Amino acid sequence: MLNENIKAIRKSKGLSQEELAIKLNVVRQTISKWEQGLSVPDSDMLISISKVLETPVSTLLGETVIESKADDLKVICEKLEIINLQLSQRKAARRKILRWLFISLCAVIVTIYVALIVLNSPYLGWDYNNPETAVAGAAFHAFEWLFVRLAPFVLIAGIAGIFLTRKKV
């Protein structure tokens, strides 16, 4: 029982007999004899083995340790499935936020267009003899000029963004 447990746990930890022997300050043949059941480690060595293999002494002395690679794979698969689910949820949330940002951008552009149409360039009738009115009129005209030229491209990009970020079925 002890010999099988030492061998199974050593292998599950990915250690060779030589590596375990180095960690325990014994020769490889000693590990081989323990695993073949030809000799038994003393109590102090058993405690050292337990520490190196990070396994309780009771497990070393207890029932046969079965290498459960299938169970390990199942646990790893479950963890990966959870991680993939979390990543897909984050991606969906980002897509939803981005979609609403594109919708908001398009709504703001349309609102500003409507406001500019309703206002009908009010700065054209202002008295430009007053320096403050002249600066405000020039700034308003510059904004209107730049907006009218750039907003269509931004609006098209926003509409494209809305379609590209829609939920795929």
Protein backbone atom coordinates (compact mmCIF):
# COMPACT_ATOMS: atom_id res chain seq x y z
CA MET A 1 0.00 0.00 0.00
CA LEU A 2 2.66 2.53 1.04
CA ASN A 3 4.85 1.59 -1.92
CA GLU A 4 1.99 2.05 -4.39
CA ASN A 5 0.99 5.37 -2.82
CA ILE A 6 4.51 6.79 -2.95
CA LYS A 7 4.81 5.80 -6.61
CA ALA A 8 1.35 7.10 -7.60
CA ILE A 9 1.76 10.43 -5.80
CA ARG A 10 5.30 10.91 -7.12
CA LYS A 11 4.07 10.36 -10.67
CA SER A 12 1.05 12.63 -10.19
CA LYS A 13 3.43 15.38 -9.06
CA GLY A 14 5.50 14.82 -12.19
CA LEU A 15 8.64 13.78 -10.33
CA SER A 16 11.06 11.10 -11.40
CA GLN A 17 12.64 8.76 -8.86
CA GLU A 18 15.89 10.69 -9.28
CA GLU A 19 14.21 14.08 -8.59
CA LEU A 20 12.45 12.75 -5.49
CA ALA A 21 15.70 11.18 -4.28
CA ILE A 22 17.51 14.53 -4.62
CA LYS A 23 14.78 16.32 -2.67
CA LEU A 24 14.95 13.70 0.10
CA ASN A 25 18.77 13.47 0.10
CA VAL A 26 18.79 9.75 -0.65
CA VAL A 27 19.93 7.70 -3.63
CA ARG A 28 17.55 6.76 -6.44
CA GLN A 29 17.82 3.10 -5.54
CA THR A 30 16.26 3.85 -2.13
CA ILE A 31 13.19 5.32 -3.83
CA SER A 32 13.06 2.31 -6.13
CA LYS A 33 13.17 -0.10 -3.15
CA TRP A 34 10.35 1.80 -1.39
CA GLU A 35 8.19 1.72 -4.52
CA GLN A 36 8.85 -2.00 -5.07
CA GLY A 37 8.01 -2.75 -1.44
CA LEU A 38 11.49 -4.15 -0.75
CA SER A 39 12.04 -1.67 2.11
CA VAL A 40 10.06 0.87 4.09
CA PRO A 41 11.09 4.42 5.04
CA ASP A 42 11.41 5.20 8.75
CA SER A 43 9.04 7.65 10.46
CA ASP A 44 11.28 10.71 9.97
CA MET A 45 11.71 9.89 6.28
CA LEU A 46 7.97 9.34 5.95
CA ILE A 47 7.39 12.88 7.25
CA SER A 48 9.98 14.20 4.78
CA ILE A 49 8.30 12.33 1.90
CA SER A 50 4.97 13.78 2.97
CA LYS A 51 6.39 17.32 2.88
CA VAL A 52 8.13 16.90 -0.48
CA LEU A 53 5.07 15.33 -2.10
CA GLU A 54 2.77 17.82 -0.34
CA THR A 55 0.60 14.96 0.86
CA PRO A 56 -0.47 14.06 4.40
CA VAL A 57 1.27 11.06 5.98
CA SER A 58 -2.15 9.47 6.47
CA THR A 59 -2.65 9.51 2.70
CA LEU A 60 0.73 7.85 2.19
CA LEU A 61 -0.17 5.15 4.70
CA GLY A 62 -3.86 4.94 3.77
CA GLU A 63 -5.68 3.41 0.88
CA THR A 64 -4.24 3.05 -2.56
CA VAL A 65 -4.00 6.33 -4.39
CA ILE A 66 -5.54 6.01 -7.82
CA GLU A 67 -4.23 8.23 -10.55
CA SER A 68 -7.38 9.89 -11.77
CA LYS A 69 -6.36 11.61 -14.96
CA ALA A 70 -9.93 11.48 -16.28
CA ASP A 71 -11.19 13.32 -13.19
CA ASP A 72 -8.42 15.90 -13.52
CA LEU A 73 -9.36 16.47 -17.16
CA LYS A 74 -13.00 16.79 -16.19
CA VAL A 75 -12.16 19.43 -13.57
CA ILE A 76 -9.99 21.33 -16.04
CA CYS A 77 -12.73 21.18 -18.67
CA GLU A 78 -15.29 22.50 -16.19
CA LYS A 79 -12.98 25.37 -15.22
CA LEU A 80 -12.33 26.20 -18.86
CA GLU A 81 -16.05 26.12 -19.55
CA ILE A 82 -16.66 28.60 -16.72
CA ILE A 83 -13.87 30.86 -17.99
CA ASN A 84 -15.25 30.73 -21.55
CA LEU A 85 -18.73 31.57 -20.27
CA GLN A 86 -17.38 34.54 -18.32
CA LEU A 87 -15.42 35.77 -21.33
CA SER A 88 -18.46 35.49 -23.60
CA GLN A 89 -20.58 37.38 -21.08
CA ARG A 90 -17.96 40.17 -20.91
CA LYS A 91 -17.79 40.29 -24.70
CA ALA A 92 -21.58 40.49 -24.96
CA ALA A 93 -21.69 43.27 -22.35
CA ARG A 94 -18.98 45.23 -24.20
CA ARG A 95 -20.82 44.76 -27.49
CA LYS A 96 -24.05 45.99 -25.91
CA ILE A 97 -22.35 49.08 -24.43
CA LEU A 98 -20.65 49.84 -27.73
CA ARG A 99 -23.94 49.46 -29.60
CA TRP A 100 -25.66 51.92 -27.27
CA LEU A 101 -22.76 54.35 -27.68
CA PHE A 102 -23.20 54.21 -31.47
CA ILE A 103 -26.95 54.70 -31.12
CA SER A 104 -26.36 57.68 -28.80
CA LEU A 105 -23.82 59.17 -31.20
CA CYS A 106 -26.28 58.94 -34.09
CA ALA A 107 -29.06 60.47 -31.96
CA VAL A 108 -26.82 63.38 -30.94
CA ILE A 109 -25.80 64.04 -34.55
CA VAL A 110 -29.41 64.01 -35.75
CA THR A 111 -30.44 66.29 -32.84
CA ILE A 112 -27.70 68.81 -33.67
CA TYR A 113 -28.69 68.72 -37.35
CA VAL A 114 -32.30 69.41 -36.44
CA ALA A 115 -31.24 72.24 -34.12
CA LEU A 116 -29.08 73.81 -36.86
CA ILE A 117 -31.95 73.58 -39.35
CA VAL A 118 -34.43 75.13 -36.87
CA LEU A 119 -32.01 77.92 -35.93
CA ASN A 120 -31.30 78.61 -39.62
CA SER A 121 -27.86 80.17 -39.00
CA PRO A 122 -28.98 82.94 -36.61
CA TYR A 123 -25.48 84.44 -36.51
CA LEU A 124 -25.98 85.81 -40.04
CA GLY A 125 -28.24 88.55 -38.67
CA TRP A 126 -26.05 89.50 -35.73
CA ASP A 127 -24.42 92.92 -35.31
CA TYR A 128 -20.71 92.27 -35.88
CA ASN A 129 -19.68 95.76 -34.69
CA ASN A 130 -19.63 94.37 -31.15
CA PRO A 131 -16.38 92.34 -30.75
CA GLU A 132 -17.98 89.73 -28.45
CA THR A 133 -20.81 89.12 -30.91
CA ALA A 134 -18.29 88.90 -33.75
CA VAL A 135 -16.22 86.27 -31.93
CA ALA A 136 -19.32 84.27 -30.95
CA GLY A 137 -20.67 84.47 -34.52
CA ALA A 138 -17.35 83.35 -35.99
CA ALA A 139 -17.15 80.45 -33.52
CA PHE A 140 -20.75 79.41 -34.22
CA HIS A 141 -20.14 79.61 -37.97
CA ALA A 142 -16.93 77.56 -37.66
CA PHE A 143 -18.75 74.91 -35.62
CA GLU A 144 -21.61 74.78 -38.12
CA TRP A 145 -19.24 74.63 -41.09
CA LEU A 146 -17.12 71.85 -39.55
CA PHE A 147 -20.16 69.91 -38.29
CA VAL A 148 -21.97 69.98 -41.64
CA ARG A 149 -18.87 68.61 -43.37
CA LEU A 150 -17.80 65.95 -40.86
CA ALA A 151 -21.09 64.79 -39.30
CA PRO A 152 -22.30 62.80 -42.34
CA PHE A 153 -19.18 60.62 -42.21
CA VAL A 154 -19.51 60.17 -38.44
CA LEU A 155 -23.22 59.37 -38.84
CA ILE A 156 -22.48 56.73 -41.50
CA ALA A 157 -19.76 55.25 -39.28
CA GLY A 158 -22.19 55.22 -36.33
CA ILE A 159 -24.88 53.46 -38.35
CA ALA A 160 -22.32 50.92 -39.56
CA GLY A 161 -21.23 50.44 -35.93
CA ILE A 162 -24.84 49.80 -34.90
CA PHE A 163 -25.16 47.06 -37.51
CA LEU A 164 -21.78 45.54 -36.72
CA THR A 165 -22.50 45.34 -32.99
CA ARG A 166 -25.97 43.83 -33.26
CA LYS A 167 -26.57 40.55 -31.49
CA LYS A 168 -25.77 37.70 -33.84
CA VAL A 169 -28.33 34.93 -33.92
